């Protein structure tokens, strides 16, 4: 799906306020704004989610590009946000899952 390319330096939280972090599989690979491009092979972990009885533990991304990095699709944030996953993914592990909230990311490079 076309949209802005996601990178490991973006600022993202779960819908409950936990911090989501992209853990790149290839930190030396292609970069956007000096940060590794996020791909479907990367993990996005959530820490500090206050949701009870079960907190968010990861983000599962659904919007991916046809552009590949080391054989894995690049993650994109759909523009404009639409549908049940406006940020491009969904927080998993919680009894109350929802889309992640992206508050800062690069705004120049897009993928299709």
N, C-alpha and C. Protein backbone atom coordinates (compact mmCIF):
# COMPACT_ATOMS: atom_id res chain seq x y z
N UNK A 1 0.84 -1.17 0.00
CA UNK A 1 0.00 0.00 0.00
C UNK A 1 0.89 1.23 0.00
N UNK A 2 0.61 2.24 -0.84
CA UNK A 2 1.45 3.43 -0.88
C UNK A 2 1.33 4.25 0.40
N UNK A 3 2.43 4.88 0.75
CA UNK A 3 2.43 5.74 1.94
C UNK A 3 3.84 6.12 2.33
N UNK A 4 3.96 6.84 3.42
CA UNK A 4 5.26 7.25 3.93
C UNK A 4 6.01 6.03 4.47
N UNK A 5 7.31 5.96 4.17
CA UNK A 5 8.12 4.84 4.64
C UNK A 5 8.42 5.01 6.12
N UNK A 6 8.20 3.94 6.87
CA UNK A 6 8.41 3.92 8.31
C UNK A 6 9.88 3.62 8.59
N UNK A 7 10.45 4.25 9.62
CA UNK A 7 11.84 4.00 9.98
C UNK A 7 11.96 3.79 11.49
N UNK A 8 13.10 3.29 11.91
CA UNK A 8 13.28 2.91 13.32
C UNK A 8 13.35 4.09 14.28
N UNK A 9 13.50 5.29 13.78
CA UNK A 9 13.59 6.45 14.66
C UNK A 9 12.28 7.17 14.89
N UNK A 10 11.18 6.65 14.34
CA UNK A 10 9.91 7.34 14.53
C UNK A 10 9.43 7.23 15.97
N UNK A 11 8.54 8.12 16.36
CA UNK A 11 7.97 8.11 17.70
C UNK A 11 6.56 7.52 17.61
N UNK A 12 6.36 6.38 18.30
CA UNK A 12 5.09 5.68 18.21
C UNK A 12 4.71 5.13 19.58
N UNK A 13 3.40 5.16 19.88
CA UNK A 13 2.90 4.59 21.12
C UNK A 13 1.73 3.66 20.80
N UNK A 14 1.41 2.79 21.75
CA UNK A 14 0.19 2.00 21.62
C UNK A 14 -0.97 2.91 21.99
N UNK A 15 -2.23 2.51 21.75
CA UNK A 15 -3.35 3.40 22.06
C UNK A 15 -3.50 3.71 23.55
N UNK A 16 -2.79 2.97 24.40
CA UNK A 16 -2.89 3.17 25.84
C UNK A 16 -1.72 3.97 26.41
N UNK A 17 -0.74 4.31 25.56
CA UNK A 17 0.39 5.12 25.99
C UNK A 17 1.70 4.40 26.14
N UNK A 18 1.75 3.09 25.88
CA UNK A 18 3.01 2.36 25.92
C UNK A 18 3.91 2.78 24.77
N UNK A 19 5.21 2.69 24.95
CA UNK A 19 6.17 3.08 23.91
C UNK A 19 6.43 1.92 22.96
N UNK A 20 6.27 2.18 21.66
CA UNK A 20 6.54 1.17 20.63
C UNK A 20 7.87 1.50 19.97
N UNK A 21 8.72 0.48 19.80
CA UNK A 21 10.05 0.66 19.23
C UNK A 21 10.28 -0.36 18.13
N UNK A 22 10.76 0.13 16.98
CA UNK A 22 11.14 -0.76 15.88
C UNK A 22 12.52 -1.32 16.18
N UNK A 23 12.64 -2.64 16.15
CA UNK A 23 13.93 -3.31 16.33
C UNK A 23 14.36 -3.82 14.95
N UNK A 24 15.25 -3.09 14.27
CA UNK A 24 15.61 -3.46 12.90
C UNK A 24 16.44 -4.74 12.84
N UNK A 25 16.14 -5.56 11.83
CA UNK A 25 16.93 -6.78 11.61
C UNK A 25 18.25 -6.45 10.92
N UNK A 26 18.30 -5.32 10.21
CA UNK A 26 19.51 -4.92 9.51
C UNK A 26 19.80 -3.44 9.80
N UNK A 27 20.42 -3.15 10.96
CA UNK A 27 20.67 -1.75 11.32
C UNK A 27 21.63 -1.04 10.38
N UNK A 28 22.36 -1.78 9.55
CA UNK A 28 23.31 -1.17 8.62
C UNK A 28 22.74 -1.04 7.21
N UNK A 29 21.49 -1.45 7.02
CA UNK A 29 20.83 -1.41 5.71
C UNK A 29 20.42 0.00 5.31
N UNK A 30 19.54 0.10 4.33
CA UNK A 30 19.09 1.41 3.84
C UNK A 30 18.50 2.27 4.97
N UNK A 31 18.72 3.58 4.85
CA UNK A 31 18.27 4.49 5.90
C UNK A 31 17.41 5.61 5.32
N UNK A 32 16.53 6.13 6.17
CA UNK A 32 15.74 7.32 5.90
C UNK A 32 15.97 8.25 7.08
N UNK A 33 16.34 9.50 6.82
CA UNK A 33 16.68 10.44 7.90
C UNK A 33 17.75 9.87 8.83
N UNK A 34 18.65 9.06 8.29
CA UNK A 34 19.73 8.49 9.08
C UNK A 34 19.35 7.30 9.93
N UNK A 35 18.10 6.85 9.84
CA UNK A 35 17.61 5.72 10.64
C UNK A 35 17.25 4.56 9.71
N UNK A 36 17.46 3.30 10.17
CA UNK A 36 17.13 2.15 9.33
C UNK A 36 15.66 2.13 8.92
N UNK A 37 15.44 1.80 7.65
CA UNK A 37 14.08 1.62 7.13
C UNK A 37 13.47 0.40 7.82
N UNK A 38 12.20 0.50 8.22
CA UNK A 38 11.51 -0.62 8.87
C UNK A 38 10.94 -1.55 7.81
N UNK A 39 11.09 -2.85 8.03
CA UNK A 39 10.57 -3.85 7.10
C UNK A 39 9.69 -4.86 7.84
N UNK A 40 9.01 -5.69 7.08
CA UNK A 40 8.16 -6.72 7.67
C UNK A 40 8.97 -7.74 8.47
N UNK A 41 10.28 -7.79 8.26
CA UNK A 41 11.13 -8.72 9.02
C UNK A 41 11.49 -8.18 10.41
N UNK A 42 11.29 -6.88 10.62
CA UNK A 42 11.61 -6.26 11.91
C UNK A 42 10.53 -6.54 12.94
N UNK A 43 10.91 -6.42 14.20
CA UNK A 43 9.94 -6.51 15.29
C UNK A 43 9.62 -5.10 15.75
N UNK A 44 8.37 -4.89 16.15
CA UNK A 44 7.98 -3.63 16.77
C UNK A 44 7.45 -4.01 18.15
N UNK A 45 8.24 -3.73 19.17
CA UNK A 45 7.89 -4.13 20.53
C UNK A 45 7.29 -2.94 21.30
N UNK A 46 6.38 -3.26 22.21
CA UNK A 46 5.72 -2.25 23.04
C UNK A 46 6.10 -2.50 24.50
N UNK A 47 6.54 -1.46 25.18
CA UNK A 47 6.84 -1.55 26.62
C UNK A 47 6.07 -0.45 27.35
N UNK A 48 5.72 -0.72 28.58
CA UNK A 48 5.06 0.27 29.41
C UNK A 48 3.59 0.48 29.14
N UNK A 49 2.93 -0.47 28.47
CA UNK A 49 1.49 -0.34 28.22
C UNK A 49 0.73 -0.60 29.52
N UNK A 50 -0.12 0.36 29.94
CA UNK A 50 -0.85 0.19 31.19
C UNK A 50 -2.16 -0.59 31.06
N UNK A 51 -2.51 -1.05 29.86
CA UNK A 51 -3.79 -1.75 29.68
C UNK A 51 -3.86 -2.99 30.57
N UNK A 52 -5.00 -3.20 31.18
CA UNK A 52 -5.21 -4.36 32.06
C UNK A 52 -6.43 -5.13 31.59
N UNK A 53 -6.50 -6.43 31.66
CA UNK A 53 -5.56 -7.29 32.38
C UNK A 53 -4.32 -7.68 31.58
N UNK A 54 -4.33 -7.42 30.28
CA UNK A 54 -3.15 -7.76 29.48
C UNK A 54 -2.70 -6.55 28.67
N UNK A 55 -1.43 -6.16 28.76
CA UNK A 55 -0.93 -5.00 28.03
C UNK A 55 -0.56 -5.34 26.58
N UNK A 56 -0.44 -4.31 25.76
CA UNK A 56 0.07 -4.48 24.40
C UNK A 56 1.53 -4.90 24.50
N UNK A 57 1.97 -5.81 23.62
CA UNK A 57 3.35 -6.27 23.65
C UNK A 57 4.07 -6.07 22.31
N UNK A 58 3.31 -5.93 21.23
CA UNK A 58 3.94 -5.72 19.92
C UNK A 58 2.95 -5.06 18.98
N UNK A 59 3.47 -4.58 17.85
CA UNK A 59 2.65 -4.02 16.79
C UNK A 59 2.80 -4.92 15.58
N UNK A 60 1.68 -5.31 15.01
CA UNK A 60 1.69 -6.08 13.77
C UNK A 60 1.31 -5.12 12.65
N UNK A 61 2.22 -4.94 11.69
CA UNK A 61 2.01 -3.97 10.62
C UNK A 61 1.28 -4.62 9.46
N UNK A 62 0.33 -3.90 8.86
CA UNK A 62 -0.42 -4.45 7.73
C UNK A 62 -0.16 -3.72 6.42
N UNK A 63 0.28 -2.46 6.48
CA UNK A 63 0.58 -1.73 5.25
C UNK A 63 2.04 -1.91 4.89
N UNK A 64 2.28 -2.63 3.81
CA UNK A 64 3.66 -2.85 3.37
C UNK A 64 3.78 -2.41 1.92
N UNK A 65 4.99 -2.11 1.54
CA UNK A 65 5.30 -1.64 0.20
C UNK A 65 5.66 -2.81 -0.70
N UNK A 66 5.66 -2.56 -1.99
CA UNK A 66 6.18 -3.55 -2.93
C UNK A 66 7.70 -3.43 -3.03
N UNK A 67 8.25 -2.37 -2.42
CA UNK A 67 9.71 -2.18 -2.35
C UNK A 67 10.25 -3.15 -1.31
N UNK A 68 11.32 -3.88 -1.66
CA UNK A 68 11.91 -4.86 -0.76
C UNK A 68 13.29 -4.41 -0.28
N UNK A 69 13.59 -4.71 0.97
CA UNK A 69 14.92 -4.52 1.54
C UNK A 69 15.34 -5.87 2.08
N UNK A 70 16.42 -6.42 1.53
CA UNK A 70 16.88 -7.76 1.90
C UNK A 70 15.75 -8.79 1.81
N UNK A 71 14.89 -8.65 0.80
CA UNK A 71 13.80 -9.61 0.56
C UNK A 71 12.55 -9.38 1.38
N UNK A 72 12.54 -8.38 2.27
CA UNK A 72 11.38 -8.11 3.12
C UNK A 72 10.70 -6.81 2.68
N UNK A 73 9.36 -6.77 2.63
CA UNK A 73 8.66 -5.55 2.25
C UNK A 73 8.89 -4.42 3.25
N UNK A 74 9.04 -3.21 2.74
CA UNK A 74 9.19 -2.02 3.56
C UNK A 74 7.83 -1.67 4.17
N UNK A 75 7.82 -1.23 5.44
CA UNK A 75 6.58 -0.81 6.09
C UNK A 75 6.25 0.61 5.68
N UNK A 76 4.96 0.86 5.43
CA UNK A 76 4.52 2.21 5.09
C UNK A 76 3.35 2.60 5.97
N UNK A 77 3.23 3.91 6.19
CA UNK A 77 2.07 4.45 6.88
C UNK A 77 1.14 4.97 5.81
N UNK A 78 -0.07 4.46 5.77
CA UNK A 78 -1.00 4.88 4.73
C UNK A 78 -1.31 6.37 4.88
N UNK A 79 -1.50 7.02 3.74
CA UNK A 79 -1.87 8.44 3.74
C UNK A 79 -3.00 8.65 2.76
N UNK A 80 -4.11 9.19 3.13
CA UNK A 80 -4.47 9.54 4.50
C UNK A 80 -4.86 8.30 5.29
N UNK A 81 -4.81 8.36 6.63
CA UNK A 81 -5.23 7.22 7.42
C UNK A 81 -6.67 6.82 7.10
N UNK A 82 -6.88 5.53 6.95
CA UNK A 82 -8.22 5.05 6.63
C UNK A 82 -8.40 3.63 7.13
N UNK A 83 -9.62 3.25 7.36
CA UNK A 83 -9.93 1.88 7.74
C UNK A 83 -9.64 1.58 9.18
N UNK A 84 -9.66 0.28 9.53
CA UNK A 84 -9.50 -0.11 10.93
C UNK A 84 -8.08 0.02 11.45
N UNK A 85 -7.10 0.22 10.58
CA UNK A 85 -5.71 0.35 11.02
C UNK A 85 -5.11 1.65 10.47
N UNK A 86 -5.54 2.82 11.01
CA UNK A 86 -5.12 4.08 10.44
C UNK A 86 -3.63 4.35 10.46
N UNK A 87 -2.88 3.80 11.40
CA UNK A 87 -1.45 4.03 11.43
C UNK A 87 -0.68 3.05 10.58
N UNK A 88 -1.33 2.05 10.06
CA UNK A 88 -0.67 1.03 9.27
C UNK A 88 -0.54 -0.29 9.98
N UNK A 89 -0.82 -0.32 11.28
CA UNK A 89 -0.67 -1.55 12.04
C UNK A 89 -1.70 -1.63 13.15
N UNK A 90 -1.58 -2.70 13.93
CA UNK A 90 -2.46 -2.89 15.08
C UNK A 90 -1.62 -3.40 16.25
N UNK A 91 -1.87 -2.88 17.43
CA UNK A 91 -1.17 -3.33 18.63
C UNK A 91 -1.75 -4.67 19.06
N UNK A 92 -0.90 -5.61 19.40
CA UNK A 92 -1.34 -6.96 19.74
C UNK A 92 -0.94 -7.32 21.16
N UNK A 93 -1.66 -8.27 21.71
CA UNK A 93 -1.37 -8.76 23.04
C UNK A 93 -2.32 -8.23 24.08
N UNK A 94 -2.98 -7.12 23.78
CA UNK A 94 -3.88 -6.49 24.75
C UNK A 94 -5.30 -7.01 24.59
N UNK A 95 -6.05 -6.96 25.68
CA UNK A 95 -7.47 -7.28 25.62
C UNK A 95 -8.23 -6.18 24.87
N UNK A 96 -7.61 -5.00 24.73
CA UNK A 96 -8.21 -3.88 24.02
C UNK A 96 -7.25 -3.40 22.93
N UNK A 97 -7.05 -4.20 21.86
CA UNK A 97 -6.10 -3.81 20.82
C UNK A 97 -6.60 -2.60 20.04
N UNK A 98 -5.68 -1.93 19.41
CA UNK A 98 -6.02 -0.77 18.59
C UNK A 98 -4.83 -0.36 17.75
N UNK A 99 -5.02 0.65 16.92
CA UNK A 99 -3.91 1.10 16.07
C UNK A 99 -2.87 1.86 16.86
N UNK A 100 -1.60 1.75 16.46
CA UNK A 100 -0.56 2.55 17.11
C UNK A 100 -0.74 4.01 16.74
N UNK A 101 -0.22 4.89 17.59
CA UNK A 101 -0.29 6.33 17.34
C UNK A 101 1.11 6.83 17.02
N UNK A 102 1.28 7.35 15.82
CA UNK A 102 2.59 7.86 15.40
C UNK A 102 2.57 9.37 15.56
N UNK A 103 3.50 9.89 16.38
CA UNK A 103 3.52 11.33 16.64
C UNK A 103 4.66 12.03 15.92
N UNK A 104 5.66 11.30 15.47
CA UNK A 104 6.77 11.91 14.73
C UNK A 104 7.42 10.88 13.83
N UNK A 105 7.59 11.25 12.56
CA UNK A 105 8.28 10.38 11.60
C UNK A 105 8.72 11.23 10.41
N UNK A 106 9.48 10.64 9.52
CA UNK A 106 9.92 11.37 8.33
C UNK A 106 8.72 11.61 7.41
N UNK A 107 8.73 12.70 6.68
CA UNK A 107 7.59 13.08 5.84
C UNK A 107 7.95 13.27 4.37
N UNK A 108 9.12 12.76 3.95
CA UNK A 108 9.55 13.01 2.59
C UNK A 108 9.56 11.77 1.68
N UNK A 109 9.91 10.62 2.21
CA UNK A 109 10.11 9.44 1.38
C UNK A 109 8.88 8.55 1.44
N UNK A 110 8.35 8.22 0.27
CA UNK A 110 7.18 7.35 0.18
C UNK A 110 7.54 6.06 -0.54
N UNK A 111 6.72 5.06 -0.33
CA UNK A 111 6.89 3.77 -1.02
C UNK A 111 5.55 3.34 -1.57
N UNK A 112 5.61 2.50 -2.56
CA UNK A 112 4.39 1.99 -3.19
C UNK A 112 4.34 0.52 -3.05
